[in-house]
């Protein structure tokens, strides 16, 4: 289950195989400084094999911006507004 609040996405993940509780982890959105593309962890990047719920820090090192092709180095966290 996803819930959006400001520039953060909250992901509820089941803990353990049969656990009845969830843990919540705030995942920040990141903006490409070259083309302004916003990576939203709640959406992921399914066209490039990145599942919804993938935090920016968990993206593979070889992931590139789907708009301009720059690497993760070109992204900065969005500030909460």
PDB file of N, CA and C in Angstrom:
ATOM      1  N   UNK A   1       0.851  -1.163   0.000  1.00  0.00           N
ATOM      2  CA  UNK A   1       0.000   0.000   0.000  1.00  0.00           C
ATOM      3  C   UNK A   1       0.898   1.227   0.000  1.00  0.00           C
ATOM      4  N   UNK A   2       0.577   2.207  -0.829  1.00  0.00           N
ATOM      5  CA  UNK A   2       1.337   3.436  -0.911  1.00  0.00           C
ATOM      6  C   UNK A   2       0.485   4.596  -0.444  1.00  0.00           C
ATOM      7  N   UNK A   3       1.120   5.554   0.159  1.00  0.00           N
ATOM      8  CA  UNK A   3       0.446   6.762   0.571  1.00  0.00           C
ATOM      9  C   UNK A   3       1.409   7.907   0.304  1.00  0.00           C
ATOM     10  N   UNK A   4       0.936   8.942  -0.378  1.00  0.00           N
ATOM     11  CA  UNK A   4       1.801  10.069  -0.699  1.00  0.00           C
ATOM     12  C   UNK A   4       1.530  11.213   0.260  1.00  0.00           C
ATOM     13  N   UNK A   5       2.597  11.864   0.669  1.00  0.00           N
ATOM     14  CA  UNK A   5       2.500  13.017   1.549  1.00  0.00           C
ATOM     15  C   UNK A   5       3.637  13.957   1.206  1.00  0.00           C
ATOM     16  N   UNK A   6       3.324  15.140   0.691  1.00  0.00           N
ATOM     17  CA  UNK A   6       4.327  16.111   0.261  1.00  0.00           C
ATOM     18  C   UNK A   6       5.286  15.468  -0.727  1.00  0.00           C
ATOM     19  N   UNK A   7       6.582  15.575  -0.510  1.00  0.00           N
ATOM     20  CA  UNK A   7       7.566  15.019  -1.434  1.00  0.00           C
ATOM     21  C   UNK A   7       8.082  13.657  -0.997  1.00  0.00           C
ATOM     22  N   UNK A   8       7.372  13.014  -0.090  1.00  0.00           N
ATOM     23  CA  UNK A   8       7.780  11.708   0.378  1.00  0.00           C
ATOM     24  C   UNK A   8       6.744  10.667  -0.037  1.00  0.00           C
ATOM     25  N   UNK A   9       7.173   9.476  -0.252  1.00  0.00           N
ATOM     26  CA  UNK A   9       6.273   8.358  -0.487  1.00  0.00           C
ATOM     27  C   UNK A   9       6.491   7.369   0.640  1.00  0.00           C
ATOM     28  N   UNK A  10       5.430   6.858   1.170  1.00  0.00           N
ATOM     29  CA  UNK A  10       5.521   5.908   2.262  1.00  0.00           C
ATOM     30  C   UNK A  10       5.111   4.535   1.761  1.00  0.00           C
ATOM     31  N   UNK A  11       5.905   3.580   2.035  1.00  0.00           N
ATOM     32  CA  UNK A  11       5.676   2.228   1.579  1.00  0.00           C
ATOM     33  C   UNK A  11       5.450   1.323   2.769  1.00  0.00           C
ATOM     34  N   UNK A  12       4.375   0.574   2.722  1.00  0.00           N
ATOM     35  CA  UNK A  12       4.100  -0.403   3.759  1.00  0.00           C
ATOM     36  C   UNK A  12       4.525  -1.762   3.222  1.00  0.00           C
ATOM     37  N   UNK A  13       5.455  -2.385   3.872  1.00  0.00           N
ATOM     38  CA  UNK A  13       5.931  -3.711   3.469  1.00  0.00           C
ATOM     39  C   UNK A  13       5.667  -4.693   4.588  1.00  0.00           C
ATOM     40  N   UNK A  14       5.259  -5.848   4.247  1.00  0.00           N
ATOM     41  CA  UNK A  14       5.052  -6.898   5.235  1.00  0.00           C
ATOM     42  C   UNK A  14       6.409  -7.340   5.784  1.00  0.00           C
ATOM     43  N   UNK A  15       6.452  -7.561   7.067  1.00  0.00           N
ATOM     44  CA  UNK A  15       7.683  -8.004   7.721  1.00  0.00           C
ATOM     45  C   UNK A  15       7.513  -9.479   8.029  1.00  0.00           C
ATOM     46  N   UNK A  16       8.363 -10.302   7.462  1.00  0.00           N
ATOM     47  CA  UNK A  16       8.262 -11.740   7.678  1.00  0.00           C
ATOM     48  C   UNK A  16       7.181 -12.363   6.817  1.00  0.00           C
ATOM     49  N   UNK A  17       7.189 -13.647   6.723  1.00  0.00           N
ATOM     50  CA  UNK A  17       6.283 -14.367   5.831  1.00  0.00           C
ATOM     51  C   UNK A  17       4.817 -14.224   6.232  1.00  0.00           C
ATOM     52  N   UNK A  18       4.522 -14.331   7.518  1.00  0.00           N
ATOM     53  CA  UNK A  18       3.140 -14.291   7.972  1.00  0.00           C
ATOM     54  C   UNK A  18       2.872 -13.163   8.961  1.00  0.00           C
ATOM     55  N   UNK A  19       3.714 -12.164   8.949  1.00  0.00           N
ATOM     56  CA  UNK A  19       3.569 -11.081   9.915  1.00  0.00           C
ATOM     57  C   UNK A  19       2.310 -10.274   9.637  1.00  0.00           C
ATOM     58  N   UNK A  20       1.726  -9.744  10.693  1.00  0.00           N
ATOM     59  CA  UNK A  20       0.512  -8.948  10.551  1.00  0.00           C
ATOM     60  C   UNK A  20       0.796  -7.457  10.710  1.00  0.00           C
ATOM     61  N   UNK A  21       2.048  -7.117  10.880  1.00  0.00           N
ATOM     62  CA  UNK A  21       2.405  -5.703  11.028  1.00  0.00           C
ATOM     63  C   UNK A  21       3.185  -5.243   9.808  1.00  0.00           C
ATOM     64  N   UNK A  22       3.216  -3.959   9.631  1.00  0.00           N
ATOM     65  CA  UNK A  22       3.970  -3.374   8.530  1.00  0.00           C
ATOM     66  C   UNK A  22       4.979  -2.394   9.093  1.00  0.00           C
ATOM     67  N   UNK A  23       6.045  -2.210   8.368  1.00  0.00           N
ATOM     68  CA  UNK A  23       6.988  -1.156   8.708  1.00  0.00           C
ATOM     69  C   UNK A  23       6.836  -0.072   7.664  1.00  0.00           C
ATOM     70  N   UNK A  24       7.081   1.156   8.055  1.00  0.00           N
ATOM     71  CA  UNK A  24       6.971   2.264   7.125  1.00  0.00           C
ATOM     72  C   UNK A  24       8.335   2.910   6.963  1.00  0.00           C
ATOM     73  N   UNK A  25       8.664   3.203   5.730  1.00  0.00           N
ATOM     74  CA  UNK A  25       9.944   3.828   5.423  1.00  0.00           C
ATOM     75  C   UNK A  25       9.674   5.009   4.508  1.00  0.00           C
ATOM     76  N   UNK A  26      10.062   6.173   4.942  1.00  0.00           N
ATOM     77  CA  UNK A  26       9.891   7.358   4.105  1.00  0.00           C
ATOM     78  C   UNK A  26      10.908   7.297   2.973  1.00  0.00           C
ATOM     79  N   UNK A  27      10.435   7.480   1.770  1.00  0.00           N
ATOM     80  CA  UNK A  27      11.319   7.462   0.605  1.00  0.00           C
ATOM     81  C   UNK A  27      11.164   8.782  -0.128  1.00  0.00           C
ATOM     82  N   UNK A  28      12.237   9.512  -0.213  1.00  0.00           N
ATOM     83  CA  UNK A  28      12.239  10.817  -0.850  1.00  0.00           C
ATOM     84  C   UNK A  28      12.218  10.709  -2.358  1.00  0.00           C
ATOM     85  N   UNK A  29      11.622  11.717  -2.979  1.00  0.00           N
ATOM     86  CA  UNK A  29      11.692  11.851  -4.427  1.00  0.00           C
ATOM     87  C   UNK A  29      13.005  12.556  -4.770  1.00  0.00           C
ATOM     88  N   UNK A  30      13.517  12.268  -5.955  1.00  0.00           N
ATOM     89  CA  UNK A  30      14.756  12.882  -6.433  1.00  0.00           C
ATOM     90  C   UNK A  30      14.516  13.530  -7.794  1.00  0.00           C
ATOM     91  N   UNK A  31      15.209  14.643  -8.040  1.00  0.00           N
ATOM     92  CA  UNK A  31      15.061  15.390  -9.286  1.00  0.00           C
ATOM     93  C   UNK A  31      16.365  15.390 -10.061  1.00  0.00           C
ATOM     94  N   UNK A  32      16.262  15.120 -11.365  1.00  0.00           N
ATOM     95  CA  UNK A  32      17.431  15.187 -12.238  1.00  0.00           C
ATOM     96  C   UNK A  32      17.778  16.654 -12.461  1.00  0.00           C
ATOM     97  N   UNK A  33      19.025  17.016 -12.193  1.00  0.00           N
ATOM     98  CA  UNK A  33      19.447  18.410 -12.332  1.00  0.00           C
ATOM     99  C   UNK A  33      19.682  18.795 -13.794  1.00  0.00           C
ATOM    100  N   UNK A  34      19.672  17.818 -14.689  1.00  0.00           N
ATOM    101  CA  UNK A  34      19.883  18.098 -16.103  1.00  0.00           C
ATOM    102  C   UNK A  34      18.554  18.373 -16.811  1.00  0.00           C
ATOM    103  N   UNK A  35      17.560  17.499 -16.602  1.00  0.00           N
ATOM    104  CA  UNK A  35      16.303  17.611 -17.363  1.00  0.00           C
ATOM    105  C   UNK A  35      15.065  17.831 -16.493  1.00  0.00           C
ATOM    106  N   UNK A  36      15.230  17.845 -15.156  1.00  0.00           N
ATOM    107  CA  UNK A  36      14.131  18.071 -14.214  1.00  0.00           C
ATOM    108  C   UNK A  36      13.198  16.866 -14.028  1.00  0.00           C
ATOM    109  N   UNK A  37      13.560  15.688 -14.553  1.00  0.00           N
ATOM    110  CA  UNK A  37      12.760  14.476 -14.330  1.00  0.00           C
ATOM    111  C   UNK A  37      12.707  14.193 -12.829  1.00  0.00           C
ATOM    112  N   UNK A  38      11.541  13.810 -12.334  1.00  0.00           N
ATOM    113  CA  UNK A  38      11.367  13.474 -10.920  1.00  0.00           C
ATOM    114  C   UNK A  38      11.262  11.957 -10.784  1.00  0.00           C
ATOM    115  N   UNK A  39      12.193  11.368 -10.019  1.00  0.00           N
ATOM    116  CA  UNK A  39      12.081   9.942  -9.698  1.00  0.00           C
ATOM    117  C   UNK A  39      11.239   9.824  -8.437  1.00  0.00           C
ATOM    118  N   UNK A  40      10.100   9.159  -8.566  1.00  0.00           N
ATOM    119  CA  UNK A  40       9.186   8.933  -7.443  1.00  0.00           C
ATOM    120  C   UNK A  40       9.253   7.455  -7.080  1.00  0.00           C
ATOM    121  N   UNK A  41       9.758   7.114  -5.894  1.00  0.00           N
ATOM    122  CA  UNK A  41       9.885   5.712  -5.516  1.00  0.00           C
ATOM    123  C   UNK A  41       8.550   4.969  -5.479  1.00  0.00           C
ATOM    124  N   UNK A  42       7.458   5.674  -5.242  1.00  0.00           N
ATOM    125  CA  UNK A  42       6.155   5.012  -5.230  1.00  0.00           C
ATOM    126  C   UNK A  42       5.791   4.491  -6.615  1.00  0.00           C
ATOM    127  N   UNK A  43       6.306   5.143  -7.652  1.00  0.00           N
ATOM    128  CA  UNK A  43       6.032   4.726  -9.027  1.00  0.00           C
ATOM    129  C   UNK A  43       7.127   3.849  -9.594  1.00  0.00           C
ATOM    130  N   UNK A  44       8.357   4.032  -9.136  1.00  0.00           N
ATOM    131  CA  UNK A  44       9.493   3.298  -9.700  1.00  0.00           C
ATOM    132  C   UNK A  44       9.754   3.762 -11.127  1.00  0.00           C
ATOM    133  N   UNK A  45      10.327   2.878 -11.912  1.00  0.00           N
ATOM    134  CA  UNK A  45      10.588   3.118 -13.335  1.00  0.00           C
ATOM    135  C   UNK A  45      10.350   1.798 -14.065  1.00  0.00           C
ATOM    136  N   UNK A  46       9.081   1.352 -14.117  1.00  0.00           N
ATOM    137  CA  UNK A  46       8.774   0.025 -14.652  1.00  0.00           C
ATOM    138  C   UNK A  46       9.257  -0.205 -16.084  1.00  0.00           C
ATOM    139  N   UNK A  47       9.302   0.845 -16.890  1.00  0.00           N
ATOM    140  CA  UNK A  47       9.755   0.685 -18.277  1.00  0.00           C
ATOM    141  C   UNK A  47      11.218   0.278 -18.347  1.00  0.00           C
ATOM    142  N   UNK A  48      11.948   0.524 -17.262  1.00  0.00           N
ATOM    143  CA  UNK A  48      13.363   0.162 -17.207  1.00  0.00           C
ATOM    144  C   UNK A  48      13.655  -0.870 -16.123  1.00  0.00           C
ATOM    145  N   UNK A  49      12.627  -1.613 -15.729  1.00  0.00           N
ATOM    146  CA  UNK A  49      12.818  -2.731 -14.805  1.00  0.00           C
ATOM    147  C   UNK A  49      12.888  -2.358 -13.334  1.00  0.00           C
ATOM    148  N   UNK A  50      12.491  -1.140 -12.974  1.00  0.00           N
ATOM    149  CA  UNK A  50      12.528  -0.716 -11.572  1.00  0.00           C
ATOM    150  C   UNK A  50      11.108  -0.761 -11.014  1.00  0.00           C
ATOM    151  N   UNK A  51      10.881  -1.641 -10.069  1.00  0.00           N
ATOM    152  CA  UNK A  51       9.545  -1.858  -9.509  1.00  0.00           C
ATOM    153  C   UNK A  51       9.103  -0.690  -8.639  1.00  0.00           C
ATOM    154  N   UNK A  52       7.799  -0.435  -8.591  1.00  0.00           N
ATOM    155  CA  UNK A  52       7.287   0.548  -7.625  1.00  0.00           C
ATOM    156  C   UNK A  52       7.725   0.155  -6.217  1.00  0.00           C
ATOM    157  N   UNK A  53       8.042   1.147  -5.407  1.00  0.00           N
ATOM    158  CA  UNK A  53       8.505   0.882  -4.053  1.00  0.00           C
ATOM    159  C   UNK A  53      10.013   0.824  -3.927  1.00  0.00           C
ATOM    160  N   UNK A  54      10.741   1.075  -5.019  1.00  0.00           N
ATOM    161  CA  UNK A  54      12.206   1.050  -4.986  1.00  0.00           C
ATOM    162  C   UNK A  54      12.736   2.428  -4.606  1.00  0.00           C
ATOM    163  N   UNK A  55      13.393   2.511  -3.459  1.00  0.00           N
ATOM    164  CA  UNK A  55      13.993   3.774  -3.015  1.00  0.00           C
ATOM    165  C   UNK A  55      15.120   4.170  -3.963  1.00  0.00           C
ATOM    166  N   UNK A  56      15.380   5.461  -4.070  1.00  0.00           N
ATOM    167  CA  UNK A  56      16.444   5.943  -4.951  1.00  0.00           C
ATOM    168  C   UNK A  56      17.775   5.293  -4.600  1.00  0.00           C
ATOM    169  N   UNK A  57      18.066   5.179  -3.320  1.00  0.00           N
ATOM    170  CA  UNK A  57      19.341   4.576  -2.889  1.00  0.00           C
ATOM    171  C   UNK A  57      19.452   3.106  -3.273  1.00  0.00           C
ATOM    172  N   UNK A  58      18.324   2.459  -3.539  1.00  0.00           N
ATOM    173  CA  UNK A  58      18.332   1.043  -3.915  1.00  0.00           C
ATOM    174  C   UNK A  58      18.372   0.825  -5.425  1.00  0.00           C
ATOM    175  N   UNK A  59      18.367   1.905  -6.200  1.00  0.00           N
ATOM    176  CA  UNK A  59      18.475   1.764  -7.659  1.00  0.00           C
ATOM    177  C   UNK A  59      19.846   1.191  -8.001  1.00  0.00           C
ATOM    178  N   UNK A  60      19.924   0.362  -9.039  1.00  0.00           N
ATOM    179  CA  UNK A  60      21.229  -0.173  -9.424  1.00  0.00           C
ATOM    180  C   UNK A  60      22.179   0.953  -9.846  1.00  0.00           C
ATOM    181  N   UNK A  61      23.462   0.740  -9.675  1.00  0.00           N
ATOM    182  CA  UNK A  61      24.454   1.758 -10.023  1.00  0.00           C
ATOM    183  C   UNK A  61      24.370   2.162 -11.492  1.00  0.00           C
ATOM    184  N   UNK A  62      23.971   1.258 -12.345  1.00  0.00           N
ATOM    185  CA  UNK A  62      23.898   1.538 -13.775  1.00  0.00           C
ATOM    186  C   UNK A  62      22.596   2.186 -14.227  1.00  0.00           C
ATOM    187  N   UNK A  63      21.680   2.464 -13.288  1.00  0.00           N
ATOM    188  CA  UNK A  63      20.404   3.084 -13.670  1.00  0.00           C
ATOM    189  C   UNK A  63      20.658   4.482 -14.195  1.00  0.00           C
ATOM    190  N   UNK A  64      19.930   4.845 -15.257  1.00  0.00           N
ATOM    191  CA  UNK A  64      20.067   6.180 -15.837  1.00  0.00           C
ATOM    192  C   UNK A  64      18.704   6.853 -15.914  1.00  0.00           C
ATOM    193  N   UNK A  65      18.725   8.161 -15.973  1.00  0.00           N
ATOM    194  CA  UNK A  65      17.503   8.945 -16.102  1.00  0.00           C
ATOM    195  C   UNK A  65      16.798   8.520 -17.385  1.00  0.00           C
ATOM    196  N   UNK A  66      15.514   8.174 -17.293  1.00  0.00           N
ATOM    197  CA  UNK A  66      14.801   7.723 -18.487  1.00  0.00           C
ATOM    198  C   UNK A  66      14.538   8.844 -19.501  1.00  0.00           C
ATOM    199  N   UNK A  67      14.754  10.083 -19.123  1.00  0.00           N
ATOM    200  CA  UNK A  67      14.506  11.196 -20.037  1.00  0.00           C
ATOM    201  C   UNK A  67      15.782  11.636 -20.749  1.00  0.00           C
ATOM    202  N   UNK A  68      16.855  11.910 -19.972  1.00  0.00           N
ATOM    203  CA  UNK A  68      18.069  12.460 -20.586  1.00  0.00           C
ATOM    204  C   UNK A  68      19.251  11.492 -20.627  1.00  0.00           C
ATOM    205  N   UNK A  69      19.150  10.372 -19.912  1.00  0.00           N
ATOM    206  CA  UNK A  69      20.214   9.374 -19.963  1.00  0.00           C
ATOM    207  C   UNK A  69      21.379   9.606 -19.023  1.00  0.00           C
ATOM    208  N   UNK A  70      21.294  10.607 -18.143  1.00  0.00           N
ATOM    209  CA  UNK A  70      22.365  10.840 -17.174  1.00  0.00           C
ATOM    210  C   UNK A  70      22.271   9.834 -16.031  1.00  0.00           C
ATOM    211  N   UNK A  71      23.372   9.646 -15.316  1.00  0.00           N
ATOM    212  CA  UNK A  71      23.438   8.683 -14.226  1.00  0.00           C
ATOM    213  C   UNK A  71      22.853   9.225 -12.930  1.00  0.00           C
ATOM    214  N   UNK A  72      22.908   8.395 -11.914  1.00  0.00           N
ATOM    215  CA  UNK A  72      22.377   8.769 -10.605  1.00  0.00           C
ATOM    216  C   UNK A  72      23.077  10.000 -10.030  1.00  0.00           C
ATOM    217  N   UNK A  73      24.291  10.254 -10.454  1.00  0.00           N
ATOM    218  CA  UNK A  73      25.052  11.397  -9.959  1.00  0.00           C
ATOM    219  C   UNK A  73      24.336  12.718 -10.246  1.00  0.00           C
ATOM    220  N   UNK A  74      23.488  12.738 -11.279  1.00  0.00           N
ATOM    221  CA  UNK A  74      22.831  13.973 -11.698  1.00  0.00           C
ATOM    222  C   UNK A  74      21.580  14.298 -10.880  1.00  0.00           C
ATOM    223  N   UNK A  75      21.231  13.450  -9.927  1.00  0.00           N
ATOM    224  CA  UNK A  75      19.999  13.640  -9.160  1.00  0.00           C
ATOM    225  C   UNK A  75      20.290  14.238  -7.798  1.00  0.00           C
ATOM    226  N   UNK A  76      19.322  15.041  -7.341  1.00  0.00           N
ATOM    227  CA  UNK A  76      19.392  15.584  -5.986  1.00  0.00           C
ATOM    228  C   UNK A  76      18.035  15.386  -5.314  1.00  0.00           C
ATOM    229  N   UNK A  77      18.034  15.214  -3.996  1.00  0.00           N
ATOM    230  CA  UNK A  77      16.752  15.016  -3.316  1.00  0.00           C
ATOM    231  C   UNK A  77      15.892  16.271  -3.402  1.00  0.00           C
ATOM    232  N   UNK A  78      14.602  16.055  -3.558  1.00  0.00           N
ATOM    233  CA  UNK A  78      13.669  17.182  -3.535  1.00  0.00           C
ATOM    234  C   UNK A  78      13.503  17.646  -2.096  1.00  0.00           C
ATOM    235  N   UNK A  79      13.491  18.920  -1.915  1.00  0.00           N
ATOM    236  CA  UNK A  79      13.273  19.480  -0.585  1.00  0.00           C
ATOM    237  C   UNK A  79      11.783  19.453  -0.279  1.00  0.00           C
ATOM    238  N   UNK A  80      11.442  19.196   0.970  1.00  0.00           N
ATOM    239  CA  UNK A  80      10.040  19.213   1.364  1.00  0.00           C
ATOM    240  C   UNK A  80       9.515  20.628   1.254  1.00  0.00           C
ATOM    241  N   UNK A  81       8.328  20.768   0.654  1.00  0.00           N
ATOM    242  CA  UNK A  81       7.754  22.095   0.446  1.00  0.00           C
ATOM    243  C   UNK A  81       6.713  22.409   1.466  1.00  0.00           C
TER     244      UNK A  81
END
